[in-house]
Amino acid sequence: MLSGTTSSEAIITAANISTYPNPVKDLFTVKVVGTNLPFEISLYNIDSREVFKQIFTNSVSVNTDHLAGGIYFYEIRNKNGLIKKGKIAKVM
């Protein structure tokens, strides 16, 4: 933590964020440790079309029932920009 910052302003890196399971069938979970600040998750299909977006604090479970099987890409951002990105496989 940088001096002069409070614990809720700690620098958040990809190491502070866990995403699971992968592959996913019904629910994809994102958990952030070390802060109570808001984050945003965006989920994109293989054509780079956004199929899901939500603001959350600490954790979120994304219901993937409505998505077809295949590969999806996610981005997790906070007010400072992109923190983590990756891909998940949706299985039926």
PDB file of N, CA and C in Angstrom:
ATOM      1  N   MET A   1       0.851  -1.173   0.000  1.00  0.00           N
ATOM      2  CA  MET A   1       0.000   0.000   0.000  1.00  0.00           C
ATOM      3  C   MET A   1       0.895   1.234   0.000  1.00  0.00           C
ATOM      4  N   LEU A   2       0.546   2.229  -0.804  1.00  0.00           N
ATOM      5  CA  LEU A   2       1.302   3.464  -0.843  1.00  0.00           C
ATOM      6  C   LEU A   2       1.036   4.273   0.406  1.00  0.00           C
ATOM      7  N   SER A   3       2.037   4.990   0.884  1.00  0.00           N
ATOM      8  CA  SER A   3       1.811   5.826   2.062  1.00  0.00           C
ATOM      9  C   SER A   3       0.813   6.918   1.733  1.00  0.00           C
ATOM     10  N   GLY A   4      -0.030   7.243   2.715  1.00  0.00           N
ATOM     11  CA  GLY A   4      -1.029   8.271   2.507  1.00  0.00           C
ATOM     12  C   GLY A   4      -2.329   7.753   1.937  1.00  0.00           C
ATOM     13  N   THR A   5      -2.429   6.442   1.711  1.00  0.00           N
ATOM     14  CA  THR A   5      -3.681   5.880   1.216  1.00  0.00           C
ATOM     15  C   THR A   5      -4.351   5.098   2.323  1.00  0.00           C
ATOM     16  N   THR A   6      -5.661   5.009   2.260  1.00  0.00           N
ATOM     17  CA  THR A   6      -6.392   4.192   3.219  1.00  0.00           C
ATOM     18  C   THR A   6      -6.484   2.778   2.679  1.00  0.00           C
ATOM     19  N   SER A   7      -6.899   1.840   3.518  1.00  0.00           N
ATOM     20  CA  SER A   7      -6.973   0.457   3.079  1.00  0.00           C
ATOM     21  C   SER A   7      -7.948   0.288   1.924  1.00  0.00           C
ATOM     22  N   SER A   8      -9.014   1.108   1.868  1.00  0.00           N
ATOM     23  CA  SER A   8      -9.967   0.976   0.765  1.00  0.00           C
ATOM     24  C   SER A   8      -9.426   1.555  -0.531  1.00  0.00           C
ATOM     25  N   GLU A   9      -8.298   2.259  -0.475  1.00  0.00           N
ATOM     26  CA  GLU A   9      -7.674   2.816  -1.672  1.00  0.00           C
ATOM     27  C   GLU A   9      -6.421   2.044  -2.065  1.00  0.00           C
ATOM     28  N   ALA A  10      -6.231   0.861  -1.484  1.00  0.00           N
ATOM     29  CA  ALA A  10      -5.051   0.056  -1.787  1.00  0.00           C
ATOM     30  C   ALA A  10      -4.999  -0.243  -3.284  1.00  0.00           C
ATOM     31  N   ILE A  11      -3.804  -0.411  -3.780  1.00  0.00           N
ATOM     32  CA  ILE A  11      -3.638  -0.730  -5.193  1.00  0.00           C
ATOM     33  C   ILE A  11      -4.117  -2.160  -5.424  1.00  0.00           C
ATOM     34  N   ILE A  12      -5.058  -2.301  -6.333  1.00  0.00           N
ATOM     35  CA  ILE A  12      -5.622  -3.599  -6.655  1.00  0.00           C
ATOM     36  C   ILE A  12      -5.002  -4.094  -7.950  1.00  0.00           C
ATOM     37  N   THR A  13      -4.516  -5.324  -7.937  1.00  0.00           N
ATOM     38  CA  THR A  13      -3.942  -5.940  -9.128  1.00  0.00           C
ATOM     39  C   THR A  13      -4.727  -7.206  -9.460  1.00  0.00           C
ATOM     40  N   ALA A  14      -4.377  -7.824 -10.559  1.00  0.00           N
ATOM     41  CA  ALA A  14      -5.039  -9.065 -10.959  1.00  0.00           C
ATOM     42  C   ALA A  14      -4.905 -10.132  -9.880  1.00  0.00           C
ATOM     43  N   ALA A  15      -3.838 -10.069  -9.071  1.00  0.00           N
ATOM     44  CA  ALA A  15      -3.648 -11.051  -8.002  1.00  0.00           C
ATOM     45  C   ALA A  15      -4.727 -10.939  -6.924  1.00  0.00           C
ATOM     46  N   ASN A  16      -5.377  -9.783  -6.809  1.00  0.00           N
ATOM     47  CA  ASN A  16      -6.442  -9.582  -5.828  1.00  0.00           C
ATOM     48  C   ASN A  16      -7.794 -10.093  -6.326  1.00  0.00           C
ATOM     49  N   ILE A  17      -7.852 -10.570  -7.566  1.00  0.00           N
ATOM     50  CA  ILE A  17      -9.120 -10.945  -8.185  1.00  0.00           C
ATOM     51  C   ILE A  17      -9.090 -12.425  -8.545  1.00  0.00           C
ATOM     52  N   SER A  18     -10.101 -13.159  -8.075  1.00  0.00           N
ATOM     53  CA  SER A  18     -10.223 -14.559  -8.476  1.00  0.00           C
ATOM     54  C   SER A  18     -11.481 -14.736  -9.321  1.00  0.00           C
ATOM     55  N   THR A  19     -11.369 -15.573 -10.336  1.00  0.00           N
ATOM     56  CA  THR A  19     -12.477 -15.861 -11.244  1.00  0.00           C
ATOM     57  C   THR A  19     -12.593 -17.378 -11.357  1.00  0.00           C
ATOM     58  N   TYR A  20     -13.816 -17.874 -11.231  1.00  0.00           N
ATOM     59  CA  TYR A  20     -14.029 -19.324 -11.286  1.00  0.00           C
ATOM     60  C   TYR A  20     -15.506 -19.630 -11.476  1.00  0.00           C
ATOM     61  N   PRO A  21     -15.861 -20.835 -11.884  1.00  0.00           N
ATOM     62  CA  PRO A  21     -15.003 -21.888 -12.437  1.00  0.00           C
ATOM     63  C   PRO A  21     -14.710 -21.621 -13.906  1.00  0.00           C
ATOM     64  N   ASN A  22     -13.790 -22.362 -14.434  1.00  0.00           N
ATOM     65  CA  ASN A  22     -13.494 -22.285 -15.851  1.00  0.00           C
ATOM     66  C   ASN A  22     -13.043 -23.665 -16.310  1.00  0.00           C
ATOM     67  N   PRO A  23     -13.834 -24.360 -17.086  1.00  0.00           N
ATOM     68  CA  PRO A  23     -15.015 -23.908 -17.815  1.00  0.00           C
ATOM     69  C   PRO A  23     -16.217 -23.684 -16.894  1.00  0.00           C
ATOM     70  N   VAL A  24     -17.171 -22.914 -17.418  1.00  0.00           N
ATOM     71  CA  VAL A  24     -18.370 -22.554 -16.661  1.00  0.00           C
ATOM     72  C   VAL A  24     -19.590 -23.185 -17.320  1.00  0.00           C
ATOM     73  N   LYS A  25     -20.538 -23.613 -16.472  1.00  0.00           N
ATOM     74  CA  LYS A  25     -21.793 -24.151 -17.000  1.00  0.00           C
ATOM     75  C   LYS A  25     -22.928 -23.167 -16.744  1.00  0.00           C
ATOM     76  N   ASP A  26     -23.142 -22.766 -15.492  1.00  0.00           N
ATOM     77  CA  ASP A  26     -24.271 -21.902 -15.136  1.00  0.00           C
ATOM     78  C   ASP A  26     -23.855 -20.556 -14.539  1.00  0.00           C
ATOM     79  N   LEU A  27     -22.914 -20.567 -13.590  1.00  0.00           N
ATOM     80  CA  LEU A  27     -22.515 -19.345 -12.890  1.00  0.00           C
ATOM     81  C   LEU A  27     -21.007 -19.154 -12.940  1.00  0.00           C
ATOM     82  N   PHE A  28     -20.604 -17.944 -13.284  1.00  0.00           N
ATOM     83  CA  PHE A  28     -19.205 -17.529 -13.296  1.00  0.00           C
ATOM     84  C   PHE A  28     -19.044 -16.512 -12.180  1.00  0.00           C
ATOM     85  N   THR A  29     -18.130 -16.760 -11.248  1.00  0.00           N
ATOM     86  CA  THR A  29     -17.982 -15.913 -10.070  1.00  0.00           C
ATOM     87  C   THR A  29     -16.686 -15.115 -10.126  1.00  0.00           C
ATOM     88  N   VAL A  30     -16.779 -13.848  -9.695  1.00  0.00           N
ATOM     89  CA  VAL A  30     -15.621 -12.961  -9.583  1.00  0.00           C
ATOM     90  C   VAL A  30     -15.575 -12.464  -8.150  1.00  0.00           C
ATOM     91  N   LYS A  31     -14.410 -12.591  -7.498  1.00  0.00           N
ATOM     92  CA  LYS A  31     -14.228 -12.087  -6.139  1.00  0.00           C
ATOM     93  C   LYS A  31     -13.002 -11.191  -6.094  1.00  0.00           C
ATOM     94  N   VAL A  32     -13.156 -10.051  -5.410  1.00  0.00           N
ATOM     95  CA  VAL A  32     -12.067  -9.092  -5.238  1.00  0.00           C
ATOM     96  C   VAL A  32     -11.787  -8.977  -3.743  1.00  0.00           C
ATOM     97  N   VAL A  33     -10.534  -9.116  -3.341  1.00  0.00           N
ATOM     98  CA  VAL A  33     -10.152  -8.958  -1.940  1.00  0.00           C
ATOM     99  C   VAL A  33      -9.287  -7.716  -1.787  1.00  0.00           C
ATOM    100  N   GLY A  34      -9.432  -7.061  -0.641  1.00  0.00           N
ATOM    101  CA  GLY A  34      -8.574  -5.930  -0.333  1.00  0.00           C
ATOM    102  C   GLY A  34      -9.208  -4.566  -0.512  1.00  0.00           C
ATOM    103  N   THR A  35     -10.472  -4.503  -0.938  1.00  0.00           N
ATOM    104  CA  THR A  35     -11.122  -3.210  -1.126  1.00  0.00           C
ATOM    105  C   THR A  35     -12.632  -3.378  -1.152  1.00  0.00           C
ATOM    106  N   ASN A  36     -13.329  -2.302  -0.869  1.00  0.00           N
ATOM    107  CA  ASN A  36     -14.786  -2.268  -0.988  1.00  0.00           C
ATOM    108  C   ASN A  36     -15.219  -1.275  -2.060  1.00  0.00           C
ATOM    109  N   LEU A  37     -14.313  -0.925  -2.943  1.00  0.00           N
ATOM    110  CA  LEU A  37     -14.619   0.017  -4.017  1.00  0.00           C
ATOM    111  C   LEU A  37     -15.342  -0.697  -5.155  1.00  0.00           C
ATOM    112  N   PRO A  38     -16.083   0.028  -5.986  1.00  0.00           N
ATOM    113  CA  PRO A  38     -16.822  -0.603  -7.088  1.00  0.00           C
ATOM    114  C   PRO A  38     -15.912  -1.046  -8.237  1.00  0.00           C
ATOM    115  N   PHE A  39     -16.327  -2.140  -8.856  1.00  0.00           N
ATOM    116  CA  PHE A  39     -15.683  -2.683 -10.044  1.00  0.00           C
ATOM    117  C   PHE A  39     -16.754  -2.917 -11.095  1.00  0.00           C
ATOM    118  N   GLU A  40     -16.321  -3.120 -12.316  1.00  0.00           N
ATOM    119  CA  GLU A  40     -17.245  -3.431 -13.401  1.00  0.00           C
ATOM    120  C   GLU A  40     -16.706  -4.634 -14.156  1.00  0.00           C
ATOM    121  N   ILE A  41     -17.581  -5.593 -14.411  1.00  0.00           N
ATOM    122  CA  ILE A  41     -17.203  -6.729 -15.254  1.00  0.00           C
ATOM    123  C   ILE A  41     -17.970  -6.622 -16.564  1.00  0.00           C
ATOM    124  N   SER A  42     -17.257  -6.854 -17.650  1.00  0.00           N
ATOM    125  CA  SER A  42     -17.865  -6.918 -18.982  1.00  0.00           C
ATOM    126  C   SER A  42     -17.494  -8.257 -19.581  1.00  0.00           C
ATOM    127  N   LEU A  43     -18.471  -8.873 -20.229  1.00  0.00           N
ATOM    128  CA  LEU A  43     -18.278 -10.165 -20.879  1.00  0.00           C
ATOM    129  C   LEU A  43     -18.560  -9.987 -22.366  1.00  0.00           C
ATOM    130  N   TYR A  44     -17.653 -10.493 -23.214  1.00  0.00           N
ATOM    131  CA  TYR A  44     -17.758 -10.327 -24.668  1.00  0.00           C
ATOM    132  C   TYR A  44     -17.772 -11.688 -25.347  1.00  0.00           C
ATOM    133  N   ASN A  45     -18.533 -11.788 -26.432  1.00  0.00           N
ATOM    134  CA  ASN A  45     -18.522 -13.033 -27.198  1.00  0.00           C
ATOM    135  C   ASN A  45     -17.328 -13.023 -28.154  1.00  0.00           C
ATOM    136  N   ILE A  46     -17.212 -14.066 -28.939  1.00  0.00           N
ATOM    137  CA  ILE A  46     -16.065 -14.227 -29.843  1.00  0.00           C
ATOM    138  C   ILE A  46     -16.008 -13.128 -30.908  1.00  0.00           C
ATOM    139  N   ASP A  47     -17.153 -12.469 -31.177  1.00  0.00           N
ATOM    140  CA  ASP A  47     -17.208 -11.372 -32.142  1.00  0.00           C
ATOM    141  C   ASP A  47     -16.949 -10.013 -31.498  1.00  0.00           C
ATOM    142  N   SER A  48     -16.493 -10.013 -30.252  1.00  0.00           N
ATOM    143  CA  SER A  48     -16.211  -8.798 -29.473  1.00  0.00           C
ATOM    144  C   SER A  48     -17.466  -7.995 -29.145  1.00  0.00           C
ATOM    145  N   ARG A  49     -18.623  -8.627 -29.198  1.00  0.00           N
ATOM    146  CA  ARG A  49     -19.875  -7.970 -28.829  1.00  0.00           C
ATOM    147  C   ARG A  49     -20.100  -8.162 -27.336  1.00  0.00           C
ATOM    148  N   GLU A  50     -20.376  -7.075 -26.641  1.00  0.00           N
ATOM    149  CA  GLU A  50     -20.619  -7.153 -25.205  1.00  0.00           C
ATOM    150  C   GLU A  50     -21.946  -7.868 -24.956  1.00  0.00           C
ATOM    151  N   VAL A  51     -21.901  -8.926 -24.139  1.00  0.00           N
ATOM    152  CA  VAL A  51     -23.109  -9.701 -23.839  1.00  0.00           C
ATOM    153  C   VAL A  51     -23.529  -9.573 -22.383  1.00  0.00           C
ATOM    154  N   PHE A  52     -22.674  -8.953 -21.555  1.00  0.00           N
ATOM    155  CA  PHE A  52     -23.006  -8.776 -20.139  1.00  0.00           C
ATOM    156  C   PHE A  52     -22.137  -7.657 -19.579  1.00  0.00           C
ATOM    157  N   LYS A  53     -22.742  -6.856 -18.689  1.00  0.00           N
ATOM    158  CA  LYS A  53     -21.989  -5.805 -17.990  1.00  0.00           C
ATOM    159  C   LYS A  53     -22.670  -5.571 -16.654  1.00  0.00           C
ATOM    160  N   GLN A  54     -21.868  -5.477 -15.583  1.00  0.00           N
ATOM    161  CA  GLN A  54     -22.436  -5.220 -14.263  1.00  0.00           C
ATOM    162  C   GLN A  54     -21.400  -4.572 -13.359  1.00  0.00           C
ATOM    163  N   ILE A  55     -21.876  -3.643 -12.553  1.00  0.00           N
ATOM    164  CA  ILE A  55     -21.054  -3.031 -11.519  1.00  0.00           C
ATOM    165  C   ILE A  55     -21.246  -3.841 -10.246  1.00  0.00           C
ATOM    166  N   PHE A  56     -20.159  -4.075  -9.512  1.00  0.00           N
ATOM    167  CA  PHE A  56     -20.241  -4.857  -8.289  1.00  0.00           C
ATOM    168  C   PHE A  56     -19.196  -4.403  -7.282  1.00  0.00           C
ATOM    169  N   THR A  57     -19.378  -4.804  -6.042  1.00  0.00           N
ATOM    170  CA  THR A  57     -18.422  -4.577  -4.972  1.00  0.00           C
ATOM    171  C   THR A  57     -18.133  -5.924  -4.327  1.00  0.00           C
ATOM    172  N   ASN A  58     -16.895  -6.266  -4.126  1.00  0.00           N
ATOM    173  CA  ASN A  58     -16.429  -7.504  -3.492  1.00  0.00           C
ATOM    174  C   ASN A  58     -16.605  -8.750  -4.355  1.00  0.00           C
ATOM    175  N   SER A  59     -17.838  -9.071  -4.778  1.00  0.00           N
ATOM    176  CA  SER A  59     -18.024 -10.273  -5.602  1.00  0.00           C
ATOM    177  C   SER A  59     -19.297 -10.164  -6.427  1.00  0.00           C
ATOM    178  N   VAL A  60     -19.346 -10.979  -7.474  1.00  0.00           N
ATOM    179  CA  VAL A  60     -20.523 -11.063  -8.330  1.00  0.00           C
ATOM    180  C   VAL A  60     -20.563 -12.462  -8.935  1.00  0.00           C
ATOM    181  N   SER A  61     -21.775 -12.998  -9.087  1.00  0.00           N
ATOM    182  CA  SER A  61     -21.977 -14.256  -9.791  1.00  0.00           C
ATOM    183  C   SER A  61     -22.744 -13.944 -11.070  1.00  0.00           C
ATOM    184  N   VAL A  62     -22.144 -14.270 -12.189  1.00  0.00           N
ATOM    185  CA  VAL A  62     -22.726 -13.987 -13.495  1.00  0.00           C
ATOM    186  C   VAL A  62     -23.466 -15.234 -13.971  1.00  0.00           C
ATOM    187  N   ASN A  63     -24.765 -15.104 -14.209  1.00  0.00           N
ATOM    188  CA  ASN A  63     -25.568 -16.209 -14.714  1.00  0.00           C
ATOM    189  C   ASN A  63     -25.301 -16.352 -16.213  1.00  0.00           C
ATOM    190  N   THR A  64     -24.800 -17.506 -16.621  1.00  0.00           N
ATOM    191  CA  THR A  64     -24.455 -17.724 -18.027  1.00  0.00           C
ATOM    192  C   THR A  64     -25.442 -18.652 -18.739  1.00  0.00           C
ATOM    193  N   ASP A  65     -26.572 -18.926 -18.112  1.00  0.00           N
ATOM    194  CA  ASP A  65     -27.573 -19.821 -18.715  1.00  0.00           C
ATOM    195  C   ASP A  65     -28.002 -19.373 -20.107  1.00  0.00           C
ATOM    196  N   HIS A  66     -28.112 -18.066 -20.315  1.00  0.00           N
ATOM    197  CA  HIS A  66     -28.608 -17.538 -21.583  1.00  0.00           C
ATOM    198  C   HIS A  66     -27.555 -17.534 -22.693  1.00  0.00           C
ATOM    199  N   LEU A  67     -26.316 -17.858 -22.367  1.00  0.00           N
ATOM    200  CA  LEU A  67     -25.241 -17.814 -23.355  1.00  0.00           C
ATOM    201  C   LEU A  67     -25.068 -19.162 -24.050  1.00  0.00           C
ATOM    202  N   ALA A  68     -24.771 -19.122 -25.329  1.00  0.00           N
ATOM    203  CA  ALA A  68     -24.466 -20.330 -26.089  1.00  0.00           C
ATOM    204  C   ALA A  68     -23.103 -20.864 -25.660  1.00  0.00           C
ATOM    205  N   GLY A  69     -22.871 -22.128 -25.897  1.00  0.00           N
ATOM    206  CA  GLY A  69     -21.562 -22.697 -25.607  1.00  0.00           C
ATOM    207  C   GLY A  69     -20.489 -22.044 -26.464  1.00  0.00           C
ATOM    208  N   GLY A  70     -19.296 -21.897 -25.913  1.00  0.00           N
ATOM    209  CA  GLY A  70     -18.201 -21.306 -26.675  1.00  0.00           C
ATOM    210  C   GLY A  70     -17.244 -20.543 -25.783  1.00  0.00           C
ATOM    211  N   ILE A  71     -16.402 -19.750 -26.397  1.00  0.00           N
ATOM    212  CA  ILE A  71     -15.393 -18.956 -25.697  1.00  0.00           C
ATOM    213  C   ILE A  71     -15.897 -17.529 -25.523  1.00  0.00           C
ATOM    214  N   TYR A  72     -15.711 -16.988 -24.317  1.00  0.00           N
ATOM    215  CA  TYR A  72     -16.070 -15.607 -23.993  1.00  0.00           C
ATOM    216  C   TYR A  72     -14.866 -14.945 -23.337  1.00  0.00           C
ATOM    217  N   PHE A  73     -14.780 -13.645 -23.501  1.00  0.00           N
ATOM    218  CA  PHE A  73     -13.699 -12.859 -22.926  1.00  0.00           C
ATOM    219  C   PHE A  73     -14.276 -11.928 -21.863  1.00  0.00           C
ATOM    220  N   TYR A  74     -13.540 -11.739 -20.776  1.00  0.00           N
ATOM    221  CA  TYR A  74     -14.005 -10.825 -19.734  1.00  0.00           C
ATOM    222  C   TYR A  74     -12.961  -9.760 -19.451  1.00  0.00           C
ATOM    223  N   GLU A  75     -13.445  -8.618 -18.983  1.00  0.00           N
ATOM    224  CA  GLU A  75     -12.595  -7.529 -18.521  1.00  0.00           C
ATOM    225  C   GLU A  75     -13.150  -7.039 -17.199  1.00  0.00           C
ATOM    226  N   ILE A  76     -12.266  -6.833 -16.245  1.00  0.00           N
ATOM    227  CA  ILE A  76     -12.653  -6.297 -14.949  1.00  0.00           C
ATOM    228  C   ILE A  76     -11.933  -4.966 -14.780  1.00  0.00           C
ATOM    229  N   ARG A  77     -12.722  -3.925 -14.529  1.00  0.00           N
ATOM    230  CA  ARG A  77     -12.192  -2.559 -14.429  1.00  0.00           C
ATOM    231  C   ARG A  77     -12.612  -1.913 -13.118  1.00  0.00           C
ATOM    232  N   ASN A  78     -11.825  -0.936 -12.703  1.00  0.00           N
ATOM    233  CA  ASN A  78     -12.249  -0.032 -11.638  1.00  0.00           C
ATOM    234  C   ASN A  78     -12.055   1.387 -12.156  1.00  0.00           C
ATOM    235  N   LYS A  79     -12.165   2.367 -11.272  1.00  0.00           N
ATOM    236  CA  LYS A  79     -12.078   3.765 -11.724  1.00  0.00           C
ATOM    237  C   LYS A  79     -10.736   4.097 -12.361  1.00  0.00           C
ATOM    238  N   ASN A  80      -9.707   3.284 -12.094  1.00  0.00           N
ATOM    239  CA  ASN A  80      -8.385   3.528 -12.651  1.00  0.00           C
ATOM    240  C   ASN A  80      -8.143   2.819 -13.973  1.00  0.00           C
ATOM    241  N   GLY A  81      -9.099   1.989 -14.414  1.00  0.00           N
ATOM    242  CA  GLY A  81      -8.950   1.309 -15.692  1.00  0.00           C
ATOM    243  C   GLY A  81      -8.982  -0.199 -15.572  1.00  0.00           C
ATOM    244  N   LEU A  82      -8.440  -0.863 -16.587  1.00  0.00           N
ATOM    245  CA  LEU A  82      -8.450  -2.313 -16.686  1.00  0.00           C
ATOM    246  C   LEU A  82      -7.552  -2.931 -15.616  1.00  0.00           C
ATOM    247  N   ILE A  83      -8.109  -3.898 -14.866  1.00  0.00           N
ATOM    248  CA  ILE A  83      -7.351  -4.582 -13.825  1.00  0.00           C
ATOM    249  C   ILE A  83      -7.003  -6.007 -14.252  1.00  0.00           C
ATOM    250  N   LYS A  84      -7.979  -6.693 -14.848  1.00  0.00           N
ATOM    251  CA  LYS A  84      -7.760  -8.083 -15.241  1.00  0.00           C
ATOM    252  C   LYS A  84      -8.611  -8.398 -16.462  1.00  0.00           C
ATOM    253  N   LYS A  85      -8.059  -9.230 -17.331  1.00  0.00           N
ATOM    254  CA  LYS A  85      -8.834  -9.721 -18.470  1.00  0.00           C
ATOM    255  C   LYS A  85      -8.462 -11.180 -18.677  1.00  0.00           C
ATOM    256  N   GLY A  86      -9.377 -11.896 -19.320  1.00  0.00           N
ATOM    257  CA  GLY A  86      -9.130 -13.296 -19.566  1.00  0.00           C
ATOM    258  C   GLY A  86     -10.227 -13.888 -20.420  1.00  0.00           C
ATOM    259  N   LYS A  87     -10.222 -15.213 -20.517  1.00  0.00           N
ATOM    260  CA  LYS A  87     -11.271 -15.863 -21.289  1.00  0.00           C
ATOM    261  C   LYS A  87     -11.820 -17.030 -20.485  1.00  0.00           C
ATOM    262  N   ILE A  88     -13.082 -17.341 -20.769  1.00  0.00           N
ATOM    263  CA  ILE A  88     -13.734 -18.473 -20.142  1.00  0.00           C
ATOM    264  C   ILE A  88     -14.389 -19.316 -21.229  1.00  0.00           C
ATOM    265  N   ALA A  89     -14.523 -20.588 -20.937  1.00  0.00           N
ATOM    266  CA  ALA A  89     -15.220 -21.502 -21.839  1.00  0.00           C
ATOM    267  C   ALA A  89     -16.595 -21.798 -21.237  1.00  0.00           C
ATOM    268  N   LYS A  90     -17.641 -21.584 -22.009  1.00  0.00           N
ATOM    269  CA  LYS A  90     -19.003 -21.890 -21.600  1.00  0.00           C
ATOM    270  C   LYS A  90     -19.346 -23.250 -22.173  1.00  0.00           C
ATOM    271  N   VAL A  91     -19.691 -24.201 -21.277  1.00  0.00           N
ATOM    272  CA  VAL A  91     -20.090 -25.530 -21.708  1.00  0.00           C
ATOM    273  C   VAL A  91     -21.569 -25.711 -21.482  1.00  0.00           C
ATOM    274  N   MET A  92     -22.166 -26.567 -22.256  1.00  0.00           N
ATOM    275  CA  MET A  92     -23.612 -26.802 -22.141  1.00  0.00           C
ATOM    276  C   MET A  92     -23.901 -27.930 -21.169  1.00  0.00           C
TER     277      MET A  92
END
